[in-house]
């Protein structure tokens, strides 16, 4: 059986520290990627909200124009009913 020496313990300790440093580096990369992903998600949500607001504005304009056209048709007595 191999004798456990201080040198062996030191080598094992160095190896563990090196692997721990790699794991810490990977964790930092994952945290950065998660943060970037969340930032992108927030940007997409804001863009979708802007598009939704723009569509709501367009819808409101179309409703107003439809009402105006209805009033104009009634005033000019234009209707789609065929005359017999």
Protein backbone atom coordinates (compact mmCIF):
# COMPACT_ATOMS: atom_id res chain seq x y z
CA UNK A 1 0.00 0.00 0.00
CA UNK A 2 1.25 3.47 -0.83
CA UNK A 3 2.28 5.59 2.07
CA UNK A 4 0.42 8.85 2.41
CA UNK A 5 2.97 11.60 2.43
CA UNK A 6 2.69 15.34 2.68
CA UNK A 7 3.80 15.61 -0.94
CA UNK A 8 1.01 13.31 -2.09
CA UNK A 9 -1.55 15.25 -0.04
CA UNK A 10 -0.21 18.49 -1.53
CA UNK A 11 -0.55 17.16 -5.11
CA UNK A 12 -4.10 15.97 -4.47
CA UNK A 13 -4.95 19.31 -2.89
CA UNK A 14 -3.53 21.18 -5.91
CA UNK A 15 -5.55 18.98 -8.25
CA UNK A 16 -8.74 19.62 -6.29
CA UNK A 17 -8.10 23.37 -6.27
CA UNK A 18 -7.51 23.39 -10.03
CA UNK A 19 -10.75 21.51 -10.70
CA UNK A 20 -12.61 23.81 -8.32
CA UNK A 21 -11.27 26.82 -10.24
CA UNK A 22 -12.58 25.27 -13.48
CA UNK A 23 -15.98 24.71 -11.91
CA UNK A 24 -16.04 28.30 -10.64
CA UNK A 25 -15.19 29.52 -14.14
CA UNK A 26 -17.99 27.46 -15.67
CA UNK A 27 -20.44 28.74 -13.06
CA UNK A 28 -19.45 32.33 -13.89
CA UNK A 29 -20.02 31.59 -17.59
CA UNK A 30 -23.45 30.12 -16.83
CA UNK A 31 -24.40 33.11 -14.69
CA UNK A 32 -23.34 35.48 -17.46
CA UNK A 33 -25.30 33.48 -20.06
CA UNK A 34 -28.38 33.43 -17.83
CA UNK A 35 -28.14 37.19 -17.31
CA UNK A 36 -27.78 37.76 -21.07
CA UNK A 37 -30.77 35.49 -21.69
CA UNK A 38 -32.90 37.37 -19.18
CA UNK A 39 -31.88 40.70 -20.68
CA UNK A 40 -32.85 39.46 -24.15
CA UNK A 41 -36.16 38.15 -22.79
CA UNK A 42 -36.93 41.55 -21.25
CA UNK A 43 -36.12 43.25 -24.54
CA UNK A 44 -38.44 40.89 -26.42
CA UNK A 45 -41.24 41.53 -23.94
CA UNK A 46 -40.81 45.28 -24.34
CA UNK A 47 -40.86 44.94 -28.11
CA UNK A 48 -44.01 42.81 -28.01
CA UNK A 49 -45.65 45.32 -25.68
CA UNK A 50 -44.78 48.12 -28.10
CA UNK A 51 -46.22 46.19 -31.02
CA UNK A 52 -49.39 45.45 -29.03
CA UNK A 53 -49.80 49.14 -28.19
CA UNK A 54 -49.26 50.10 -31.81
CA UNK A 55 -51.85 47.57 -32.97
CA UNK A 56 -54.31 48.87 -30.38
CA UNK A 57 -53.82 52.37 -31.74
CA UNK A 58 -54.38 51.18 -35.31
CA UNK A 59 -57.51 49.33 -34.20
CA UNK A 60 -58.86 52.46 -32.51
CA UNK A 61 -58.27 54.48 -35.69
CA UNK A 62 -60.04 51.86 -37.81
CA UNK A 63 -63.03 51.85 -35.44
CA UNK A 64 -63.21 55.66 -35.66
CA UNK A 65 -63.02 55.58 -39.46
CA UNK A 66 -65.66 52.88 -39.64
CA UNK A 67 -67.99 55.03 -37.55
CA UNK A 68 -67.33 58.03 -39.75
CA UNK A 69 -67.99 56.01 -42.92
CA UNK A 70 -71.25 54.71 -41.45
CA UNK A 71 -72.37 58.27 -40.70
CA UNK A 72 -71.40 59.43 -44.20
CA UNK A 73 -73.30 56.54 -45.80
CA UNK A 74 -76.39 57.30 -43.72
CA UNK A 75 -76.19 61.01 -44.55
CA UNK A 76 -75.80 60.33 -48.28
CA UNK A 77 -78.40 57.60 -48.04
CA UNK A 78 -76.01 55.02 -49.41
CA UNK A 79 -76.79 51.50 -48.40
CA UNK A 80 -76.01 48.05 -49.67
CA UNK A 81 -79.63 47.02 -49.85
CA UNK A 82 -80.54 46.37 -53.52
CA UNK A 83 -83.55 48.23 -54.82
CA UNK A 84 -86.42 45.99 -56.09
